[in-house]
């Protein structure tokens, strides 16, 4: 894959959109958004956006010591009509959906020379998903990818991350007016990998986006989806599931910026943790601006702790600047198996271990079904079964 260095240029339309995105409220960050890594101080771990992250395990991605000395194997397949380009950062599509909001993703932008733009033409309805596989082959890698979905097009994207690398990347999704996009991002890295990425989504007028983030692998994984709206009537559904093992740190930080009227969003992330040193973090920020009348939004995070010692931090945040909305709410819950569910199953002759497996499968089932890509669903269910076999026996 082509990768991207220098500040992006833009035509007048691109500049207007970028300005709207950059002016967005950035909650709980210590520095304004910027493409320049020099604008961000080296984090020390006391900043709000870094206080849960084990900086010492980022392999230098956060402090400028991680030179791009690695390699990553890229496998990109797409139906007819989809185009793939290697562009410079003066291309108006680069940076349109958003700007890096932390030092690692700014480092990623500053460390690459080219961006890859994958374009789906206007009115196209893809018969097969666009699939981008990234397989780390060691060392440190950086990247910048833009998915440009034309007006009234319909597409499914599958991003698959495997292998070993210390990876920092920016991924942008430009969703045209009236378009429909489903994105599945799977983090199934080796246990030694580190992955920090920012997903910027710009939702066009009356467009809809469904994002499903699935994290199983990696030593440290930090995914930061950010959504804003380019016009009224947009809809965003953000789903996620993570299974965090002994020694792993999985962090998902979301921001939905309701900056246009009559838009909707729904967030639902679920996680399971096993192992004394398993750690997970979920931060869900939703901002409803003064002009975003008619907004409807809800966010949910639920966590299932399977073993003693595992820890999860779940922080939903809702900022409302107008009272003229359809509705807004959030919920967070963390706990162990529900005794009533186990009792119900065991009372019907199901052994305790199998009853626990059934409870966990049911816990994740609704999110897996949101994927809508059969082979990906089957693979994730098999992965889940393997995880359950390890934790439950």
Protein backbone atom coordinates (compact mmCIF):
# COMPACT_ATOMS: atom_id res chain seq x y z
CA UNK A 1 0.00 0.00 0.00
CA UNK A 2 1.16 3.52 -0.64
CA UNK A 3 1.78 5.45 2.50
CA UNK A 4 1.81 9.38 3.26
CA UNK A 5 4.43 13.60 4.68
CA UNK A 6 3.68 17.38 4.73
CA UNK A 7 0.45 19.26 5.18
CA UNK A 8 -2.50 18.48 2.93
CA UNK A 9 -3.84 21.00 0.46
CA UNK A 10 -7.48 21.36 -0.47
CA UNK A 11 -9.79 23.00 -2.97
CA UNK A 12 -12.41 25.45 -1.69
CA UNK A 13 -15.01 22.75 -0.98
CA UNK A 14 -12.45 20.54 0.77
CA UNK A 15 -11.24 23.49 2.83
CA UNK A 16 -14.78 24.28 3.95
CA UNK A 17 -15.40 20.74 5.10
CA UNK A 18 -12.00 20.46 6.78
CA UNK A 19 -12.58 23.75 8.58
CA UNK A 20 -15.92 22.52 9.86
CA UNK A 21 -14.33 19.32 11.12
CA UNK A 22 -11.36 21.09 12.73
CA UNK A 23 -13.64 23.53 14.53
CA UNK A 24 -15.41 20.64 16.19
CA UNK A 25 -15.38 20.26 19.94
CA UNK A 26 -12.51 17.98 20.95
CA UNK A 27 -13.30 16.77 24.42
CA UNK A 28 -10.71 15.66 26.92
CA UNK A 29 -7.63 16.26 24.75
CA UNK A 30 -4.58 18.23 25.80
CA UNK A 31 -3.76 19.80 22.41
CA UNK A 32 -5.81 21.00 19.40
CA UNK A 33 -6.03 18.72 16.35
CA UNK A 34 -3.04 18.99 14.02
CA UNK A 35 -1.27 17.17 11.20
CA UNK A 36 2.09 18.24 12.65
CA UNK A 37 3.54 15.97 15.33
CA UNK A 38 5.49 18.93 16.73
CA UNK A 39 2.19 20.47 17.89
CA UNK A 40 1.73 17.67 20.42
CA UNK A 41 3.88 17.33 23.54
CA UNK A 42 5.25 13.89 24.34
CA UNK A 43 2.60 12.34 26.61
CA UNK A 44 3.60 11.44 30.16
CA UNK A 45 0.48 9.45 31.07
CA UNK A 46 -1.25 12.02 33.22
CA UNK A 47 -3.19 13.57 30.34
CA UNK A 48 -6.85 12.64 30.22
CA UNK A 49 -6.52 10.99 26.80
CA UNK A 50 -3.50 8.90 27.86
CA UNK A 51 -4.08 8.11 31.52
CA UNK A 52 -5.34 4.58 30.85
CA UNK A 53 -2.79 3.71 28.13
CA UNK A 54 0.45 1.84 28.99
CA UNK A 55 2.83 4.22 27.21
CA UNK A 56 5.88 2.07 27.93
CA UNK A 57 4.39 -0.66 25.73
CA UNK A 58 3.82 1.52 22.64
CA UNK A 59 7.32 0.70 21.31
CA UNK A 60 8.16 4.38 20.84
CA UNK A 61 5.13 5.36 18.75
CA UNK A 62 4.32 8.16 21.20
CA UNK A 63 7.72 9.79 21.71
CA UNK A 64 9.33 9.94 18.27
CA UNK A 65 11.75 7.05 18.75
CA UNK A 66 9.87 4.58 16.53
CA UNK A 67 11.54 4.78 13.11
CA UNK A 68 9.67 3.27 10.17
CA UNK A 69 11.88 0.19 9.86
CA UNK A 70 9.24 -2.48 9.39
CA UNK A 71 7.19 -3.95 6.59
CA UNK A 72 3.56 -4.80 6.11
CA UNK A 73 2.05 -7.04 3.47
CA UNK A 74 -0.96 -5.48 1.77
CA UNK A 75 -3.70 -7.49 0.10
CA UNK A 76 -6.41 -5.31 -1.49
CA UNK A 77 -9.28 -6.78 -3.49
CA UNK A 78 -12.25 -4.85 -4.86
CA UNK A 79 -15.12 -5.36 -7.32
CA UNK A 80 -15.02 -3.81 -10.78
CA UNK A 81 -15.46 -0.06 -10.82
CA UNK A 82 -13.56 0.60 -7.60
CA UNK A 83 -10.37 2.57 -8.15
CA UNK A 84 -7.18 2.62 -6.07
CA UNK A 85 -4.77 5.55 -6.26
CA UNK A 86 -1.52 6.59 -4.63
CA UNK A 87 -1.65 10.32 -3.94
CA UNK A 88 0.24 13.04 -2.13
CA UNK A 89 -1.17 14.90 0.81
CA UNK A 90 -2.02 17.85 -1.40
CA UNK A 91 -4.92 15.75 -2.69
CA UNK A 92 -8.13 17.43 -1.42
CA UNK A 93 -9.52 14.13 -0.16
CA UNK A 94 -6.68 13.62 2.30
CA UNK A 95 -7.52 15.12 5.68
CA UNK A 96 -11.08 15.98 4.68
CA UNK A 97 -12.75 13.70 7.21
CA UNK A 98 -10.69 14.87 10.17
CA UNK A 99 -7.35 15.74 11.71
CA UNK A 100 -5.14 13.73 14.11
CA UNK A 101 -6.04 14.47 17.73
CA UNK A 102 -3.11 12.83 19.49
CA UNK A 103 0.64 12.59 19.07
CA UNK A 104 0.70 9.02 17.76
CA UNK A 105 -1.67 9.60 14.84
CA UNK A 106 0.05 12.92 14.08
CA UNK A 107 3.33 10.96 14.07
CA UNK A 108 1.75 8.55 11.62
CA UNK A 109 0.84 11.40 9.29
CA UNK A 110 4.27 12.99 9.58
CA UNK A 111 6.05 9.67 8.93
CA UNK A 112 4.54 8.68 5.58
CA UNK A 113 5.02 10.14 2.12
CA UNK A 114 1.89 9.06 0.26
CA UNK A 115 -1.71 8.16 0.95
CA UNK A 116 -3.85 5.47 -0.61
CA UNK A 117 -7.30 6.52 -1.85
CA UNK A 118 -9.89 3.82 -2.56
CA UNK A 119 -12.88 5.27 -4.43
CA UNK A 120 -16.36 3.87 -5.00
CA UNK A 121 -18.09 5.80 -7.82
CA UNK A 122 -21.37 7.64 -7.49
CA UNK A 123 -24.51 5.43 -7.63
CA UNK A 124 -22.47 2.20 -7.59
CA UNK A 125 -23.90 -0.74 -5.63
CA UNK A 126 -21.05 -3.15 -4.97
CA UNK A 127 -21.83 -6.82 -5.29
CA UNK A 128 -18.86 -7.85 -3.12
CA UNK A 129 -17.01 -6.22 -0.24
CA UNK A 130 -13.84 -4.23 -0.69
CA UNK A 131 -11.26 -6.14 1.36
CA UNK A 132 -8.03 -4.67 2.68
CA UNK A 133 -5.73 -7.09 4.49
CA UNK A 134 -2.70 -5.80 6.38
CA UNK A 135 -0.26 -8.42 7.67
CA UNK A 136 2.59 -7.13 9.80
CA UNK A 137 6.01 -8.62 9.13
CA UNK A 138 7.89 -6.99 11.99
CA UNK A 139 9.20 -3.55 12.88
CA UNK A 140 7.39 -0.22 12.88
CA UNK A 141 4.96 0.79 10.12
CA UNK A 142 2.83 3.85 9.40
CA UNK A 143 -0.06 4.43 7.01
CA UNK A 144 -2.80 6.72 5.72
CA UNK A 145 -5.81 5.42 3.78
CA UNK A 146 -8.87 7.25 2.48
CA UNK A 147 -12.07 5.50 1.42
CA UNK A 148 -14.12 7.83 -0.77
CA UNK A 149 -17.71 6.61 -1.20
CA UNK A 150 -19.59 8.49 -3.92
CA UNK A 151 -23.09 9.91 -3.54
CA UNK A 152 -25.87 7.28 -3.43
CA UNK A 153 -23.36 4.42 -3.62
CA UNK A 154 -23.59 1.32 -1.42
CA UNK A 155 -20.48 -0.49 -0.23
CA UNK A 156 -19.08 -2.87 2.38
CA UNK A 157 -15.45 -2.54 3.48
CA UNK A 158 -13.55 -5.22 5.44
CA UNK A 159 -10.26 -4.18 7.05
CA UNK A 160 -8.28 -7.13 8.41
CA UNK A 161 -5.19 -6.71 10.60
CA UNK A 162 -2.93 -9.69 11.33
CA UNK A 163 0.73 -10.48 12.01
CA UNK A 164 3.22 -8.52 14.10
CA UNK A 165 4.13 -4.83 13.83
CA UNK A 166 4.03 -1.59 15.76
CA UNK A 167 1.46 0.19 13.60
CA UNK A 168 0.20 3.78 13.70
CA UNK A 169 -2.29 4.87 11.05
CA UNK A 170 -5.01 7.26 10.02
CA UNK A 171 -8.02 5.93 8.13
CA UNK A 172 -10.64 8.23 6.60
CA UNK A 173 -14.13 7.49 5.33
CA UNK A 174 -15.79 10.10 3.11
CA UNK A 175 -19.42 9.07 2.74
CA UNK A 176 -21.23 10.97 0.00
CA UNK A 177 -24.80 12.28 0.18
CA UNK A 178 -27.33 9.47 0.28
CA UNK A 179 -24.65 6.77 0.34
CA UNK A 180 -24.69 3.64 2.51
CA UNK A 181 -21.46 2.26 3.95
CA UNK A 182 -20.68 -0.68 6.22
CA UNK A 183 -17.14 -0.93 7.62
CA UNK A 184 -15.81 -3.99 9.46
CA UNK A 185 -12.39 -3.50 11.07
CA UNK A 186 -10.88 -6.65 12.57
CA UNK A 187 -7.83 -6.43 14.85
CA UNK A 188 -6.58 -10.02 15.03
CA UNK A 189 -2.89 -9.24 15.50
CA UNK A 190 -0.27 -11.50 17.03
CA UNK A 191 0.10 -11.13 20.78
CA UNK A 192 3.24 -8.99 20.33
CA UNK A 193 1.72 -6.35 18.00
CA UNK A 194 0.92 -2.72 18.85
CA UNK A 195 -1.77 -0.84 16.93
CA UNK A 196 -2.85 2.79 17.36
CA UNK A 197 -5.28 4.17 14.79
CA UNK A 198 -7.75 7.00 14.28
CA UNK A 199 -10.82 6.40 12.11
CA UNK A 200 -12.34 9.65 10.82
CA UNK A 201 -15.83 9.36 9.33
CA UNK A 202 -17.55 12.23 7.53
CA UNK A 203 -21.23 11.41 6.93
CA UNK A 204 -22.92 13.16 4.01
CA UNK A 205 -26.47 14.49 3.86
CA UNK A 206 -29.01 11.65 4.33
CA UNK A 207 -26.15 9.11 4.25
CA UNK A 208 -25.76 6.16 6.61
CA UNK A 209 -22.69 4.48 8.07
CA UNK A 210 -22.40 1.27 10.05
CA UNK A 211 -19.03 0.61 11.71
CA UNK A 212 -18.17 -2.67 13.42
CA UNK A 213 -14.83 -2.78 15.25
CA UNK A 214 -13.69 -6.24 16.39
CA UNK A 215 -10.58 -6.61 18.54
CA UNK A 216 -9.11 -9.95 19.62
CA UNK A 217 -5.35 -9.74 19.13
CA UNK A 218 -2.44 -7.47 19.92
CA UNK A 219 -0.43 -6.56 22.98
CA UNK A 220 -1.75 -2.98 22.93
CA UNK A 221 -4.56 -1.89 20.61
CA UNK A 222 -6.03 1.62 20.69
CA UNK A 223 -8.75 2.43 18.13
CA UNK A 224 -10.24 5.92 17.97
CA UNK A 225 -13.35 6.24 15.73
CA UNK A 226 -14.56 9.84 15.22
CA UNK A 227 -17.76 10.76 13.40
CA UNK A 228 -19.00 14.13 12.14
CA UNK A 229 -21.75 15.13 9.72
CA UNK A 230 -21.46 17.12 6.48
CA UNK A 231 -25.20 17.80 6.32
CA UNK A 232 -28.59 17.00 7.89
CA UNK A 233 -30.23 13.59 7.88
CA UNK A 234 -27.09 11.52 8.42
CA UNK A 235 -27.06 8.33 10.47
CA UNK A 236 -24.16 6.53 12.17
CA UNK A 237 -24.23 3.15 13.88
CA UNK A 238 -21.05 2.26 15.77
CA UNK A 239 -20.75 -1.30 17.04
CA UNK A 240 -17.79 -3.02 18.61
CA UNK A 241 -16.77 -6.19 20.38
CA UNK A 242 -13.51 -7.10 22.07
CA UNK A 243 -12.19 -10.17 23.88
CA UNK A 244 -9.22 -9.19 26.02
CA UNK A 245 -6.85 -11.88 27.26
CA UNK A 246 -4.15 -12.12 29.89
CA UNK A 247 -1.58 -9.36 29.33
CA UNK A 248 -3.53 -7.55 26.63
CA UNK A 249 -4.63 -3.90 26.65
CA UNK A 250 -7.55 -3.07 24.35
CA UNK A 251 -8.71 0.54 24.21
CA UNK A 252 -11.59 1.97 22.16
CA UNK A 253 -12.20 5.72 22.28
CA UNK A 254 -15.14 7.14 20.34
CA UNK A 255 -16.38 10.63 19.51
CA UNK A 256 -19.66 11.34 17.73
CA UNK A 257 -19.87 15.04 16.92
CA UNK A 258 -23.47 15.99 16.15
CA UNK A 259 -22.72 19.19 14.26
CA UNK A 260 -25.71 19.15 11.87
CA UNK A 261 -29.49 19.02 12.45
CA UNK A 262 -31.74 15.96 12.28
CA UNK A 263 -28.98 13.36 12.47
CA UNK A 264 -28.89 10.12 14.42
CA UNK A 265 -26.27 7.95 16.07
CA UNK A 266 -26.29 4.69 17.98
CA UNK A 267 -23.26 3.23 19.75
CA UNK A 268 -23.07 -0.28 21.23
CA UNK A 269 -19.78 -1.86 22.31
CA UNK A 270 -19.41 -5.10 24.28
CA UNK A 271 -16.33 -6.70 25.74
CA UNK A 272 -15.24 -9.79 27.65
CA UNK A 273 -12.05 -10.02 29.69
CA UNK A 274 -10.12 -13.00 31.00
CA UNK A 275 -6.82 -13.16 32.86
CA UNK A 276 -5.50 -11.34 35.90
CA UNK A 277 -3.67 -8.71 33.81
CA UNK A 278 -6.30 -8.24 31.09
CA UNK A 279 -7.17 -4.55 30.68
CA UNK A 280 -9.81 -2.84 28.55
CA UNK A 281 -10.82 0.80 28.15
CA UNK A 282 -13.93 2.20 26.49
CA UNK A 283 -14.47 5.96 26.21
CA UNK A 284 -17.65 7.13 24.51
CA UNK A 285 -17.99 10.87 23.83
CA UNK A 286 -21.09 12.33 22.19
CA UNK A 287 -21.36 16.07 21.55
CA UNK A 288 -24.65 17.69 20.46
CA UNK A 289 -24.04 21.23 19.24
CA UNK A 290 -26.33 24.22 19.34
CA UNK A 291 -27.19 23.87 15.64
CA UNK A 292 -27.83 20.11 15.89
CA UNK A 293 -31.56 20.33 16.56
CA UNK A 294 -33.55 17.14 16.10
CA UNK A 295 -30.63 14.91 17.13
CA UNK A 296 -31.33 11.38 18.32
CA UNK A 297 -28.46 9.50 19.98
CA UNK A 298 -27.72 6.68 22.39
CA UNK A 299 -24.53 4.92 23.50
CA UNK A 300 -24.06 1.65 25.37
CA UNK A 301 -21.06 -0.21 26.74
CA UNK A 302 -21.29 -3.57 28.49
CA UNK A 303 -18.42 -5.68 29.81
CA UNK A 304 -18.32 -9.27 31.03
CA UNK A 305 -15.46 -10.11 33.42
CA UNK A 306 -14.68 -13.83 33.21
CA UNK A 307 -11.80 -14.13 35.70
CA UNK A 308 -10.47 -12.45 38.82
CA UNK A 309 -8.06 -9.54 38.33
CA UNK A 310 -9.26 -8.39 34.91
CA UNK A 311 -10.05 -4.67 34.84
CA UNK A 312 -12.08 -2.45 32.54
CA UNK A 313 -12.60 1.32 32.51
CA UNK A 314 -15.88 2.40 30.91
CA UNK A 315 -16.56 6.14 30.59
CA UNK A 316 -19.60 7.39 28.63
CA UNK A 317 -19.80 11.18 28.16
CA UNK A 318 -22.68 13.22 26.76
CA UNK A 319 -22.45 16.98 26.10
CA UNK A 320 -25.67 18.71 25.02
CA UNK A 321 -25.74 22.33 23.88
CA UNK A 322 -29.37 22.49 22.74
CA UNK A 323 -32.62 21.30 24.26
CA UNK A 324 -34.32 20.84 20.88
CA UNK A 325 -33.46 17.17 20.36
CA UNK A 326 -35.37 13.94 19.81
CA UNK A 327 -33.53 12.09 22.54
CA UNK A 328 -30.12 11.33 24.05
CA UNK A 329 -28.85 8.83 26.57
CA UNK A 330 -26.07 6.50 27.58
CA UNK A 331 -25.47 3.42 29.69
CA UNK A 332 -22.51 1.43 30.98
CA UNK A 333 -22.36 -1.83 32.90
CA UNK A 334 -19.60 -4.22 33.97
CA UNK A 335 -20.10 -7.52 35.78
CA UNK A 336 -19.69 -11.27 35.92
CA UNK A 337 -21.99 -14.02 34.71
CA UNK A 338 -25.58 -13.50 35.72
CA UNK A 339 -26.44 -16.24 38.19
CA UNK A 340 -30.06 -16.36 37.01
CA UNK A 341 -29.03 -17.13 33.44
CA UNK A 342 -26.64 -19.88 34.54
CA UNK A 343 -29.23 -21.34 36.91
CA UNK A 344 -31.87 -21.36 34.17
CA UNK A 345 -29.62 -23.28 31.78
CA UNK A 346 -28.21 -25.68 34.37
CA UNK A 347 -31.70 -26.44 35.68
CA UNK A 348 -32.47 -27.77 32.22
CA UNK A 349 -29.60 -30.22 32.26
CA UNK A 350 -26.91 -28.13 30.59
CA UNK A 351 -23.48 -28.60 32.25
CA UNK A 352 -21.99 -25.54 33.95
CA UNK A 353 -19.15 -25.02 31.44
CA UNK A 354 -21.46 -25.25 28.45
CA UNK A 355 -23.95 -22.92 30.17
CA UNK A 356 -21.20 -20.32 30.57
CA UNK A 357 -20.28 -20.65 26.90
CA UNK A 358 -23.90 -20.13 25.90
CA UNK A 359 -24.16 -17.00 28.05
CA UNK A 360 -21.05 -15.48 26.44
CA UNK A 361 -22.19 -16.41 22.93
CA UNK A 362 -25.53 -14.78 23.60
CA UNK A 363 -23.78 -11.72 25.01
CA UNK A 364 -21.97 -11.13 21.70
CA UNK A 365 -24.55 -12.57 19.27
CA UNK A 366 -26.38 -9.37 18.34
CA UNK A 367 -23.12 -7.59 17.50
CA UNK A 368 -21.72 -10.44 15.40
CA UNK A 369 -24.96 -10.45 13.41
CA UNK A 370 -24.45 -6.78 12.54
CA UNK A 371 -21.40 -7.68 10.43
CA UNK A 372 -23.42 -9.09 7.56
CA UNK A 373 -20.40 -10.74 5.85
CA UNK A 374 -20.77 -14.49 6.23
CA UNK A 375 -17.12 -15.54 6.11
CA UNK A 376 -16.11 -12.82 8.57
CA UNK A 377 -18.91 -13.80 10.96
CA UNK A 378 -17.87 -17.47 10.79
CA UNK A 379 -14.23 -16.62 11.45
CA UNK A 380 -15.07 -14.45 14.44
CA UNK A 381 -17.40 -17.04 15.92
CA UNK A 382 -14.61 -19.63 15.60
CA UNK A 383 -12.20 -17.22 17.28
CA UNK A 384 -14.71 -16.63 20.06
CA UNK A 385 -15.10 -20.37 20.58
CA UNK A 386 -11.33 -20.73 20.90
CA UNK A 387 -11.21 -17.94 23.47
CA UNK A 388 -14.03 -19.51 25.44
CA UNK A 389 -12.33 -22.91 25.38
CA UNK A 390 -9.29 -21.30 26.98
CA UNK A 391 -11.18 -19.38 29.66
CA UNK A 392 -13.97 -21.79 30.51
CA UNK A 393 -12.48 -25.14 29.56
